[in-house]
Amino acid sequence: MFCRLNTSRLFLSLSLFALASQTLANHDGQSIAFDRSKGNCLACHAIAGGESPGNIGPELSNMKQRYPNIQLLRERIWDETKFNPYTVMPPFGKHKILSEDEIDQVVKFIYSL
């Protein structure tokens, strides 16, 4: 009985850890995008759930319809100057403002909007 109880507790603990990790992973992109010292997307864009958004850039909504190809969205975040040399959007990848992993997380989050 004692061994079975410990095994059950271990399984429950691992299951809760996996669920918490998955939930946290889903919010990494949002955390980076909303972080004023990292992605800082809210400085220019209105995003659902964000506080004090800017209005320089377009509202980030309906992203799957606007960008059927997620790779194009990633390329724009990585370096918007390829598409618009006069943009005020920082080239997050080109200037290494965000790591490749952080960019992937932000793209995943933004694409879900």
PDB file of N, CA and C in Angstrom:
ATOM      1  N   MET A   1       0.826  -1.197   0.000  1.00  0.00           N
ATOM      2  CA  MET A   1       0.000   0.000   0.000  1.00  0.00           C
ATOM      3  C   MET A   1       0.867   1.257   0.000  1.00  0.00           C
ATOM      4  N   PHE A   2       1.912   1.256   0.823  1.00  0.00           N
ATOM      5  CA  PHE A   2       2.783   2.437   0.916  1.00  0.00           C
ATOM      6  C   PHE A   2       3.445   2.714  -0.433  1.00  0.00           C
ATOM      7  N   CYS A   3       3.934   1.691  -1.098  1.00  0.00           N
ATOM      8  CA  CYS A   3       4.597   1.841  -2.382  1.00  0.00           C
ATOM      9  C   CYS A   3       3.608   2.343  -3.438  1.00  0.00           C
ATOM     10  N   ARG A   4       2.408   1.819  -3.440  1.00  0.00           N
ATOM     11  CA  ARG A   4       1.390   2.229  -4.404  1.00  0.00           C
ATOM     12  C   ARG A   4       1.016   3.704  -4.186  1.00  0.00           C
ATOM     13  N   LEU A   5       0.900   4.137  -2.958  1.00  0.00           N
ATOM     14  CA  LEU A   5       0.556   5.512  -2.641  1.00  0.00           C
ATOM     15  C   LEU A   5       1.647   6.463  -3.145  1.00  0.00           C
ATOM     16  N   ASN A   6       2.899   6.112  -2.931  1.00  0.00           N
ATOM     17  CA  ASN A   6       4.002   6.951  -3.413  1.00  0.00           C
ATOM     18  C   ASN A   6       4.029   7.015  -4.934  1.00  0.00           C
ATOM     19  N   THR A   7       3.769   5.894  -5.580  1.00  0.00           N
ATOM     20  CA  THR A   7       3.738   5.874  -7.042  1.00  0.00           C
ATOM     21  C   THR A   7       2.617   6.776  -7.548  1.00  0.00           C
ATOM     22  N   SER A   8       1.470   6.729  -6.904  1.00  0.00           N
ATOM     23  CA  SER A   8       0.346   7.580  -7.299  1.00  0.00           C
ATOM     24  C   SER A   8       0.691   9.049  -7.110  1.00  0.00           C
ATOM     25  N   ARG A   9       1.331   9.358  -6.000  1.00  0.00           N
ATOM     26  CA  ARG A   9       1.722  10.753  -5.746  1.00  0.00           C
ATOM     27  C   ARG A   9       2.748  11.221  -6.771  1.00  0.00           C
ATOM     28  N   LEU A  10       3.694  10.353  -7.096  1.00  0.00           N
ATOM     29  CA  LEU A  10       4.706  10.694  -8.081  1.00  0.00           C
ATOM     30  C   LEU A  10       4.053  10.959  -9.436  1.00  0.00           C
ATOM     31  N   PHE A  11       3.133  10.081  -9.847  1.00  0.00           N
ATOM     32  CA  PHE A  11       2.434  10.257 -11.117  1.00  0.00           C
ATOM     33  C   PHE A  11       1.651  11.563 -11.127  1.00  0.00           C
ATOM     34  N   LEU A  12       0.956  11.854 -10.031  1.00  0.00           N
ATOM     35  CA  LEU A  12       0.179  13.084  -9.926  1.00  0.00           C
ATOM     36  C   LEU A  12       1.098  14.298  -9.993  1.00  0.00           C
ATOM     37  N   SER A  13       2.219  14.246  -9.304  1.00  0.00           N
ATOM     38  CA  SER A  13       3.172  15.359  -9.317  1.00  0.00           C
ATOM     39  C   SER A  13       3.725  15.593 -10.715  1.00  0.00           C
ATOM     40  N   LEU A  14       4.102  14.519 -11.392  1.00  0.00           N
ATOM     41  CA  LEU A  14       4.629  14.652 -12.756  1.00  0.00           C
ATOM     42  C   LEU A  14       3.569  15.186 -13.701  1.00  0.00           C
ATOM     43  N   SER A  15       2.335  14.738 -13.536  1.00  0.00           N
ATOM     44  CA  SER A  15       1.246  15.216 -14.385  1.00  0.00           C
ATOM     45  C   SER A  15       0.996  16.711 -14.176  1.00  0.00           C
ATOM     46  N   LEU A  16       0.997  17.134 -12.928  1.00  0.00           N
ATOM     47  CA  LEU A  16       0.799  18.554 -12.634  1.00  0.00           C
ATOM     48  C   LEU A  16       1.954  19.388 -13.158  1.00  0.00           C
ATOM     49  N   PHE A  17       3.182  18.873 -13.044  1.00  0.00           N
ATOM     50  CA  PHE A  17       4.349  19.575 -13.560  1.00  0.00           C
ATOM     51  C   PHE A  17       4.253  19.728 -15.070  1.00  0.00           C
ATOM     52  N   ALA A  18       3.857  18.676 -15.765  1.00  0.00           N
ATOM     53  CA  ALA A  18       3.729  18.731 -17.221  1.00  0.00           C
ATOM     54  C   ALA A  18       2.655  19.740 -17.636  1.00  0.00           C
ATOM     55  N   LEU A  19       1.542  19.757 -16.930  1.00  0.00           N
ATOM     56  CA  LEU A  19       0.466  20.693 -17.223  1.00  0.00           C
ATOM     57  C   LEU A  19       0.918  22.127 -16.969  1.00  0.00           C
ATOM     58  N   ALA A  20       1.598  22.364 -15.862  1.00  0.00           N
ATOM     59  CA  ALA A  20       2.097  23.708 -15.547  1.00  0.00           C
ATOM     60  C   ALA A  20       3.123  24.162 -16.575  1.00  0.00           C
ATOM     61  N   SER A  21       3.994  23.269 -16.999  1.00  0.00           N
ATOM     62  CA  SER A  21       5.010  23.614 -17.993  1.00  0.00           C
ATOM     63  C   SER A  21       4.368  23.977 -19.319  1.00  0.00           C
ATOM     64  N   GLN A  22       3.358  23.220 -19.716  1.00  0.00           N
ATOM     65  CA  GLN A  22       2.667  23.484 -20.973  1.00  0.00           C
ATOM     66  C   GLN A  22       1.952  24.827 -20.895  1.00  0.00           C
ATOM     67  N   THR A  23       1.290  25.121 -19.791  1.00  0.00           N
ATOM     68  CA  THR A  23       0.595  26.393 -19.621  1.00  0.00           C
ATOM     69  C   THR A  23       1.574  27.545 -19.649  1.00  0.00           C
ATOM     70  N   LEU A  24       2.708  27.407 -18.965  1.00  0.00           N
ATOM     71  CA  LEU A  24       3.725  28.445 -18.951  1.00  0.00           C
ATOM     72  C   LEU A  24       4.287  28.669 -20.341  1.00  0.00           C
ATOM     73  N   ALA A  25       4.532  27.598 -21.084  1.00  0.00           N
ATOM     74  CA  ALA A  25       5.070  27.721 -22.435  1.00  0.00           C
ATOM     75  C   ALA A  25       4.122  28.498 -23.337  1.00  0.00           C
ATOM     76  N   ASN A  26       2.811  28.329 -23.146  1.00  0.00           N
ATOM     77  CA  ASN A  26       1.835  29.044 -23.957  1.00  0.00           C
ATOM     78  C   ASN A  26       1.833  30.535 -23.666  1.00  0.00           C
ATOM     79  N   HIS A  27       2.323  30.933 -22.506  1.00  0.00           N
ATOM     80  CA  HIS A  27       2.321  32.338 -22.128  1.00  0.00           C
ATOM     81  C   HIS A  27       3.673  33.004 -22.306  1.00  0.00           C
ATOM     82  N   ASP A  28       4.708  32.261 -22.685  1.00  0.00           N
ATOM     83  CA  ASP A  28       6.019  32.861 -22.862  1.00  0.00           C
ATOM     84  C   ASP A  28       5.994  33.952 -23.915  1.00  0.00           C
ATOM     85  N   GLY A  29       5.394  33.690 -25.050  1.00  0.00           N
ATOM     86  CA  GLY A  29       5.339  34.679 -26.118  1.00  0.00           C
ATOM     87  C   GLY A  29       4.610  35.937 -25.702  1.00  0.00           C
ATOM     88  N   GLN A  30       3.513  35.764 -24.978  1.00  0.00           N
ATOM     89  CA  GLN A  30       2.766  36.921 -24.485  1.00  0.00           C
ATOM     90  C   GLN A  30       3.612  37.707 -23.500  1.00  0.00           C
ATOM     91  N   SER A  31       4.291  37.017 -22.604  1.00  0.00           N
ATOM     92  CA  SER A  31       5.139  37.695 -21.617  1.00  0.00           C
ATOM     93  C   SER A  31       6.225  38.511 -22.302  1.00  0.00           C
ATOM     94  N   ILE A  32       6.843  37.937 -23.310  1.00  0.00           N
ATOM     95  CA  ILE A  32       7.899  38.638 -24.044  1.00  0.00           C
ATOM     96  C   ILE A  32       7.311  39.827 -24.797  1.00  0.00           C
ATOM     97  N   ALA A  33       6.188  39.615 -25.476  1.00  0.00           N
ATOM     98  CA  ALA A  33       5.561  40.685 -26.257  1.00  0.00           C
ATOM     99  C   ALA A  33       5.126  41.854 -25.376  1.00  0.00           C
ATOM    100  N   PHE A  34       4.633  41.552 -24.174  1.00  0.00           N
ATOM    101  CA  PHE A  34       4.133  42.593 -23.280  1.00  0.00           C
ATOM    102  C   PHE A  34       5.231  43.204 -22.412  1.00  0.00           C
ATOM    103  N   ASP A  35       6.378  42.565 -22.329  1.00  0.00           N
ATOM    104  CA  ASP A  35       7.476  43.048 -21.479  1.00  0.00           C
ATOM    105  C   ASP A  35       8.060  44.327 -22.082  1.00  0.00           C
ATOM    106  N   ARG A  36       7.994  45.405 -21.342  1.00  0.00           N
ATOM    107  CA  ARG A  36       8.465  46.706 -21.843  1.00  0.00           C
ATOM    108  C   ARG A  36       9.974  46.734 -22.072  1.00  0.00           C
ATOM    109  N   SER A  37      10.708  45.774 -21.500  1.00  0.00           N
ATOM    110  CA  SER A  37      12.164  45.751 -21.700  1.00  0.00           C
ATOM    111  C   SER A  37      12.595  44.683 -22.706  1.00  0.00           C
ATOM    112  N   LYS A  38      11.652  43.960 -23.288  1.00  0.00           N
ATOM    113  CA  LYS A  38      11.977  42.909 -24.262  1.00  0.00           C
ATOM    114  C   LYS A  38      11.300  43.223 -25.587  1.00  0.00           C
ATOM    115  N   GLY A  39      10.192  42.550 -25.878  1.00  0.00           N
ATOM    116  CA  GLY A  39       9.503  42.744 -27.148  1.00  0.00           C
ATOM    117  C   GLY A  39       8.860  44.112 -27.263  1.00  0.00           C
ATOM    118  N   ASN A  40       8.217  44.529 -26.184  1.00  0.00           N
ATOM    119  CA  ASN A  40       7.601  45.854 -26.102  1.00  0.00           C
ATOM    120  C   ASN A  40       6.612  46.116 -27.238  1.00  0.00           C
ATOM    121  N   CYS A  41       5.920  45.090 -27.676  1.00  0.00           N
ATOM    122  CA  CYS A  41       4.971  45.228 -28.778  1.00  0.00           C
ATOM    123  C   CYS A  41       3.873  46.243 -28.456  1.00  0.00           C
ATOM    124  N   LEU A  42       3.525  46.347 -27.173  1.00  0.00           N
ATOM    125  CA  LEU A  42       2.453  47.258 -26.774  1.00  0.00           C
ATOM    126  C   LEU A  42       2.832  48.730 -26.927  1.00  0.00           C
ATOM    127  N   ALA A  43       4.089  49.023 -27.115  1.00  0.00           N
ATOM    128  CA  ALA A  43       4.484  50.419 -27.327  1.00  0.00           C
ATOM    129  C   ALA A  43       3.853  50.964 -28.606  1.00  0.00           C
ATOM    130  N   CYS A  44       3.625  50.088 -29.574  1.00  0.00           N
ATOM    131  CA  CYS A  44       3.102  50.522 -30.875  1.00  0.00           C
ATOM    132  C   CYS A  44       1.798  49.862 -31.283  1.00  0.00           C
ATOM    133  N   HIS A  45       1.488  48.706 -30.722  1.00  0.00           N
ATOM    134  CA  HIS A  45       0.339  47.920 -31.184  1.00  0.00           C
ATOM    135  C   HIS A  45      -0.693  47.718 -30.075  1.00  0.00           C
ATOM    136  N   ALA A  46      -1.958  47.758 -30.451  1.00  0.00           N
ATOM    137  CA  ALA A  46      -3.033  47.324 -29.563  1.00  0.00           C
ATOM    138  C   ALA A  46      -3.114  45.804 -29.661  1.00  0.00           C
ATOM    139  N   ILE A  47      -3.102  45.141 -28.498  1.00  0.00           N
ATOM    140  CA  ILE A  47      -3.168  43.686 -28.430  1.00  0.00           C
ATOM    141  C   ILE A  47      -4.171  43.323 -27.345  1.00  0.00           C
ATOM    142  N   ALA A  48      -5.073  42.423 -27.642  1.00  0.00           N
ATOM    143  CA  ALA A  48      -6.051  41.984 -26.643  1.00  0.00           C
ATOM    144  C   ALA A  48      -5.338  41.548 -25.375  1.00  0.00           C
ATOM    145  N   GLY A  49      -5.801  42.068 -24.242  1.00  0.00           N
ATOM    146  CA  GLY A  49      -5.215  41.713 -22.955  1.00  0.00           C
ATOM    147  C   GLY A  49      -4.063  42.603 -22.540  1.00  0.00           C
ATOM    148  N   GLY A  50      -3.601  43.470 -23.420  1.00  0.00           N
ATOM    149  CA  GLY A  50      -2.489  44.350 -23.104  1.00  0.00           C
ATOM    150  C   GLY A  50      -2.967  45.675 -22.540  1.00  0.00           C
ATOM    151  N   GLU A  51      -2.167  46.250 -21.662  1.00  0.00           N
ATOM    152  CA  GLU A  51      -2.511  47.529 -21.037  1.00  0.00           C
ATOM    153  C   GLU A  51      -1.704  48.662 -21.661  1.00  0.00           C
ATOM    154  N   SER A  52      -2.314  49.800 -21.829  1.00  0.00           N
ATOM    155  CA  SER A  52      -1.698  51.015 -22.350  1.00  0.00           C
ATOM    156  C   SER A  52      -1.036  50.815 -23.707  1.00  0.00           C
ATOM    157  N   PRO A  53      -1.797  50.328 -24.698  1.00  0.00           N
ATOM    158  CA  PRO A  53      -1.196  50.098 -26.013  1.00  0.00           C
ATOM    159  C   PRO A  53      -0.939  51.400 -26.765  1.00  0.00           C
ATOM    160  N   GLY A  54       0.002  51.335 -27.676  1.00  0.00           N
ATOM    161  CA  GLY A  54       0.260  52.453 -28.570  1.00  0.00           C
ATOM    162  C   GLY A  54      -0.617  52.337 -29.793  1.00  0.00           C
ATOM    163  N   ASN A  55      -0.512  53.333 -30.677  1.00  0.00           N
ATOM    164  CA  ASN A  55      -1.327  53.301 -31.891  1.00  0.00           C
ATOM    165  C   ASN A  55      -0.498  53.630 -33.134  1.00  0.00           C
ATOM    166  N   ILE A  56       0.817  53.443 -33.042  1.00  0.00           N
ATOM    167  CA  ILE A  56       1.693  53.697 -34.187  1.00  0.00           C
ATOM    168  C   ILE A  56       1.541  52.570 -35.217  1.00  0.00           C
ATOM    169  N   GLY A  57       1.542  51.329 -34.735  1.00  0.00           N
ATOM    170  CA  GLY A  57       1.409  50.170 -35.611  1.00  0.00           C
ATOM    171  C   GLY A  57      -0.024  49.674 -35.644  1.00  0.00           C
ATOM    172  N   PRO A  58      -0.313  48.745 -36.542  1.00  0.00           N
ATOM    173  CA  PRO A  58      -1.674  48.209 -36.635  1.00  0.00           C
ATOM    174  C   PRO A  58      -2.030  47.351 -35.418  1.00  0.00           C
ATOM    175  N   GLU A  59      -3.314  47.259 -35.149  1.00  0.00           N
ATOM    176  CA  GLU A  59      -3.792  46.372 -34.088  1.00  0.00           C
ATOM    177  C   GLU A  59      -3.425  44.944 -34.471  1.00  0.00           C
ATOM    178  N   LEU A  60      -2.956  44.178 -33.504  1.00  0.00           N
ATOM    179  CA  LEU A  60      -2.590  42.789 -33.758  1.00  0.00           C
ATOM    180  C   LEU A  60      -3.780  41.903 -33.425  1.00  0.00           C
ATOM    181  N   SER A  61      -4.561  41.634 -34.448  1.00  0.00           N
ATOM    182  CA  SER A  61      -5.737  40.771 -34.332  1.00  0.00           C
ATOM    183  C   SER A  61      -5.970  40.117 -35.690  1.00  0.00           C
ATOM    184  N   ASN A  62      -6.722  39.031 -35.686  1.00  0.00           N
ATOM    185  CA  ASN A  62      -7.010  38.281 -36.921  1.00  0.00           C
ATOM    186  C   ASN A  62      -5.733  37.928 -37.687  1.00  0.00           C
ATOM    187  N   MET A  63      -4.715  37.529 -36.960  1.00  0.00           N
ATOM    188  CA  MET A  63      -3.397  37.343 -37.566  1.00  0.00           C
ATOM    189  C   MET A  63      -3.351  36.155 -38.537  1.00  0.00           C
ATOM    190  N   LYS A  64      -4.101  35.111 -38.273  1.00  0.00           N
ATOM    191  CA  LYS A  64      -4.111  33.965 -39.199  1.00  0.00           C
ATOM    192  C   LYS A  64      -4.712  34.351 -40.543  1.00  0.00           C
ATOM    193  N   GLN A  65      -5.690  35.240 -40.526  1.00  0.00           N
ATOM    194  CA  GLN A  65      -6.287  35.698 -41.779  1.00  0.00           C
ATOM    195  C   GLN A  65      -5.336  36.666 -42.493  1.00  0.00           C
ATOM    196  N   ARG A  66      -4.666  37.508 -41.726  1.00  0.00           N
ATOM    197  CA  ARG A  66      -3.761  38.491 -42.319  1.00  0.00           C
ATOM    198  C   ARG A  66      -2.455  37.868 -42.797  1.00  0.00           C
ATOM    199  N   TYR A  67      -2.036  36.815 -42.119  1.00  0.00           N
ATOM    200  CA  TYR A  67      -0.785  36.121 -42.462  1.00  0.00           C
ATOM    201  C   TYR A  67      -1.040  34.625 -42.554  1.00  0.00           C
ATOM    202  N   PRO A  68      -1.619  34.153 -43.654  1.00  0.00           N
ATOM    203  CA  PRO A  68      -1.837  32.710 -43.781  1.00  0.00           C
ATOM    204  C   PRO A  68      -0.534  31.916 -43.676  1.00  0.00           C
ATOM    205  N   ASN A  69       0.572  32.554 -44.041  1.00  0.00           N
ATOM    206  CA  ASN A  69       1.888  31.919 -43.940  1.00  0.00           C
ATOM    207  C   ASN A  69       2.592  32.482 -42.705  1.00  0.00           C
ATOM    208  N   ILE A  70       2.684  31.681 -41.652  1.00  0.00           N
ATOM    209  CA  ILE A  70       3.281  32.128 -40.398  1.00  0.00           C
ATOM    210  C   ILE A  70       4.746  32.549 -40.573  1.00  0.00           C
ATOM    211  N   GLN A  71       5.425  31.967 -41.555  1.00  0.00           N
ATOM    212  CA  GLN A  71       6.825  32.313 -41.804  1.00  0.00           C
ATOM    213  C   GLN A  71       6.970  33.780 -42.213  1.00  0.00           C
ATOM    214  N   LEU A  72       6.017  34.300 -42.965  1.00  0.00           N
ATOM    215  CA  LEU A  72       6.059  35.710 -43.357  1.00  0.00           C
ATOM    216  C   LEU A  72       5.928  36.613 -42.132  1.00  0.00           C
ATOM    217  N   LEU A  73       5.066  36.244 -41.216  1.00  0.00           N
ATOM    218  CA  LEU A  73       4.932  37.001 -39.965  1.00  0.00           C
ATOM    219  C   LEU A  73       6.251  36.993 -39.208  1.00  0.00           C
ATOM    220  N   ARG A  74       6.892  35.832 -39.136  1.00  0.00           N
ATOM    221  CA  ARG A  74       8.177  35.729 -38.439  1.00  0.00           C
ATOM    222  C   ARG A  74       9.228  36.611 -39.103  1.00  0.00           C
ATOM    223  N   GLU A  75       9.271  36.597 -40.423  1.00  0.00           N
ATOM    224  CA  GLU A  75      10.244  37.409 -41.149  1.00  0.00           C
ATOM    225  C   GLU A  75      10.035  38.899 -40.870  1.00  0.00           C
ATOM    226  N   ARG A  76       8.797  39.311 -40.746  1.00  0.00           N
ATOM    227  CA  ARG A  76       8.505  40.723 -40.467  1.00  0.00           C
ATOM    228  C   ARG A  76       8.948  41.093 -39.059  1.00  0.00           C
ATOM    229  N   ILE A  77       8.782  40.213 -38.119  1.00  0.00           N
ATOM    230  CA  ILE A  77       9.236  40.489 -36.756  1.00  0.00           C
ATOM    231  C   ILE A  77      10.758  40.455 -36.705  1.00  0.00           C
ATOM    232  N   TRP A  78      11.354  39.523 -37.422  1.00  0.00           N
ATOM    233  CA  TRP A  78      12.810  39.394 -37.432  1.00  0.00           C
ATOM    234  C   TRP A  78      13.450  40.651 -38.007  1.00  0.00           C
ATOM    235  N   ASP A  79      12.904  41.176 -39.123  1.00  0.00           N
ATOM    236  CA  ASP A  79      13.458  42.395 -39.734  1.00  0.00           C
ATOM    237  C   ASP A  79      12.431  43.036 -40.657  1.00  0.00           C
ATOM    238  N   GLU A  80      11.631  43.926 -40.112  1.00  0.00           N
ATOM    239  CA  GLU A  80      10.589  44.626 -40.888  1.00  0.00           C
ATOM    240  C   GLU A  80      11.190  45.525 -41.965  1.00  0.00           C
ATOM    241  N   THR A  81      12.457  45.913 -41.813  1.00  0.00           N
ATOM    242  CA  THR A  81      13.073  46.803 -42.809  1.00  0.00           C
ATOM    243  C   THR A  81      13.200  46.138 -44.177  1.00  0.00           C
ATOM    244  N   LYS A  82      13.147  44.808 -44.236  1.00  0.00           N
ATOM    245  CA  LYS A  82      13.143  44.114 -45.538  1.00  0.00           C
ATOM    246  C   LYS A  82      11.895  44.452 -46.342  1.00  0.00           C
ATOM    247  N   PHE A  83      10.813  44.734 -45.634  1.00  0.00           N
ATOM    248  CA  PHE A  83       9.529  45.004 -46.271  1.00  0.00           C
ATOM    249  C   PHE A  83       9.251  46.499 -46.385  1.00  0.00           C
ATOM    250  N   ASN A  84       9.755  47.250 -45.406  1.00  0.00           N
ATOM    251  CA  ASN A  84       9.547  48.692 -45.370  1.00  0.00           C
ATOM    252  C   ASN A  84      10.801  49.347 -44.783  1.00  0.00           C
ATOM    253  N   PRO A  85      11.672  49.890 -45.634  1.00  0.00           N
ATOM    254  CA  PRO A  85      12.923  50.463 -45.141  1.00  0.00           C
ATOM    255  C   PRO A  85      12.722  51.685 -44.247  1.00  0.00           C
ATOM    256  N   TYR A  86      11.529  52.276 -44.256  1.00  0.00           N
ATOM    257  CA  TYR A  86      11.261  53.475 -43.447  1.00  0.00           C
ATOM    258  C   TYR A  86      10.507  53.161 -42.150  1.00  0.00           C
ATOM    259  N   THR A  87      10.361  51.907 -41.828  1.00  0.00           N
ATOM    260  CA  THR A  87       9.613  51.504 -40.638  1.00  0.00           C
ATOM    261  C   THR A  87      10.282  51.989 -39.361  1.00  0.00           C
ATOM    262  N   VAL A  88       9.485  52.167 -38.331  1.00  0.00           N
ATOM    263  CA  VAL A  88      10.038  52.471 -37.003  1.00  0.00           C
ATOM    264  C   VAL A  88      10.098  51.209 -36.145  1.00  0.00           C
ATOM    265  N   MET A  89       9.607  50.097 -36.704  1.00  0.00           N
ATOM    266  CA  MET A  89       9.647  48.836 -35.955  1.00  0.00           C
ATOM    267  C   MET A  89      11.082  48.323 -35.904  1.00  0.00           C
ATOM    268  N   PRO A  90      11.564  48.033 -34.705  1.00  0.00           N
ATOM    269  CA  PRO A  90      12.941  47.543 -34.599  1.00  0.00           C
ATOM    270  C   PRO A  90      13.105  46.178 -35.264  1.00  0.00           C
ATOM    271  N   PRO A  91      14.243  45.916 -35.877  1.00  0.00           N
ATOM    272  CA  PRO A  91      14.526  44.588 -36.430  1.00  0.00           C
ATOM    273  C   PRO A  91      14.968  43.652 -35.295  1.00  0.00           C
ATOM    274  N   PHE A  92      14.004  43.006 -34.661  1.00  0.00           N
ATOM    275  CA  PHE A  92      14.240  42.244 -33.436  1.00  0.00           C
ATOM    276  C   PHE A  92      15.261  41.127 -33.597  1.00  0.00           C
ATOM    277  N   GLY A  93      15.279  40.472 -34.742  1.00  0.00           N
ATOM    278  CA  GLY A  93      16.243  39.400 -34.968  1.00  0.00           C
ATOM    279  C   GLY A  93      17.563  39.915 -35.478  1.00  0.00           C
ATOM    280  N   LYS A  94      17.500  40.749 -36.493  1.00  0.00           N
ATOM    281  CA  LYS A  94      18.702  41.272 -37.126  1.00  0.00           C
ATOM    282  C   LYS A  94      19.619  41.979 -36.118  1.00  0.00           C
ATOM    283  N   HIS A  95      19.029  42.719 -35.193  1.00  0.00           N
ATOM    284  CA  HIS A  95      19.811  43.440 -34.180  1.00  0.00           C
ATOM    285  C   HIS A  95      19.930  42.676 -32.861  1.00  0.00           C
ATOM    286  N   LYS A  96      19.469  41.426 -32.878  1.00  0.00           N
ATOM    287  CA  LYS A  96      19.559  40.543 -31.712  1.00  0.00           C
ATOM    288  C   LYS A  96      18.922  41.141 -30.446  1.00  0.00           C
ATOM    289  N   ILE A  97      17.824  41.848 -30.661  1.00  0.00           N
ATOM    290  CA  ILE A  97      17.045  42.368 -29.537  1.00  0.00           C
ATOM    291  C   ILE A  97      16.373  41.211 -28.823  1.00  0.00           C
ATOM    292  N   LEU A  98      15.897  40.255 -29.612  1.00  0.00           N
ATOM    293  CA  LEU A  98      15.323  39.016 -29.091  1.00  0.00           C
ATOM    294  C   LEU A  98      16.099  37.848 -29.672  1.00  0.00           C
ATOM    295  N   SER A  99      16.190  36.767 -28.901  1.00  0.00           N
ATOM    296  CA  SER A  99      16.830  35.553 -29.399  1.00  0.00           C
ATOM    297  C   SER A  99      15.903  34.879 -30.406  1.00  0.00           C
ATOM    298  N   GLU A 100      16.436  33.922 -31.134  1.00  0.00           N
ATOM    299  CA  GLU A 100      15.612  33.180 -32.102  1.00  0.00           C
ATOM    300  C   GLU A 100      14.446  32.490 -31.393  1.00  0.00           C
ATOM    301  N   ASP A 101      14.719  31.909 -30.226  1.00  0.00           N
ATOM    302  CA  ASP A 101      13.665  31.244 -29.458  1.00  0.00           C
ATOM    303  C   ASP A 101      12.606  32.250 -29.001  1.00  0.00           C
ATOM    304  N   GLU A 102      13.032  33.416 -28.541  1.00  0.00           N
ATOM    305  CA  GLU A 102      12.072  34.438 -28.109  1.00  0.00           C
ATOM    306  C   GLU A 102      11.220  34.902 -29.293  1.00  0.00           C
ATOM    307  N   ILE A 103      11.834  35.071 -30.443  1.00  0.00           N
ATOM    308  CA  ILE A 103      11.073  35.462 -31.634  1.00  0.00           C
ATOM    309  C   ILE A 103      10.048  34.383 -31.974  1.00  0.00           C
ATOM    310  N   ASP A 104      10.460  33.125 -31.916  1.00  0.00           N
ATOM    311  CA  ASP A 104       9.519  32.028 -32.190  1.00  0.00           C
ATOM    312  C   ASP A 104       8.348  32.056 -31.211  1.00  0.00           C
ATOM    313  N   GLN A 105       8.616  32.321 -29.948  1.00  0.00           N
ATOM    314  CA  GLN A 105       7.548  32.382 -28.942  1.00  0.00           C
ATOM    315  C   GLN A 105       6.604  33.551 -29.208  1.00  0.00           C
ATOM    316  N   VAL A 106       7.161  34.710 -29.556  1.00  0.00           N
ATOM    317  CA  VAL A 106       6.335  35.880 -29.855  1.00  0.00           C
ATOM    318  C   VAL A 106       5.489  35.616 -31.095  1.00  0.00           C
ATOM    319  N   VAL A 107       6.089  35.033 -32.126  1.00  0.00           N
ATOM    320  CA  VAL A 107       5.341  34.717 -33.352  1.00  0.00           C
ATOM    321  C   VAL A 107       4.182  33.783 -33.022  1.00  0.00           C
ATOM    322  N   LYS A 108       4.450  32.762 -32.234  1.00  0.00           N
ATOM    323  CA  LYS A 108       3.407  31.805 -31.851  1.00  0.00           C
ATOM    324  C   LYS A 108       2.253  32.530 -31.136  1.00  0.00           C
ATOM    325  N   PHE A 109       2.613  33.430 -30.222  1.00  0.00           N
ATOM    326  CA  PHE A 109       1.586  34.182 -29.493  1.00  0.00           C
ATOM    327  C   PHE A 109       0.805  35.091 -30.445  1.00  0.00           C
ATOM    328  N   ILE A 110       1.492  35.894 -31.223  1.00  0.00           N
ATOM    329  CA  ILE A 110       0.838  36.849 -32.104  1.00  0.00           C
ATOM    330  C   ILE A 110      -0.032  36.124 -33.133  1.00  0.00           C
ATOM    331  N   TYR A 111       0.448  35.006 -33.630  1.00  0.00           N
ATOM    332  CA  TYR A 111      -0.309  34.249 -34.615  1.00  0.00           C
ATOM    333  C   TYR A 111      -1.612  33.703 -34.021  1.00  0.00           C
ATOM    334  N   SER A 112      -1.648  33.559 -32.707  1.00  0.00           N
ATOM    335  CA  SER A 112      -2.858  33.044 -32.051  1.00  0.00           C
ATOM    336  C   SER A 112      -3.922  34.126 -31.864  1.00  0.00           C
ATOM    337  N   LEU A 113      -3.580  35.371 -32.134  1.00  0.00           N
ATOM    338  CA  LEU A 113      -4.518  36.476 -31.911  1.00  0.00           C
ATOM    339  C   LEU A 113      -5.532  36.586 -33.038  1.00  0.00           C
TER     340      LEU A 113
END
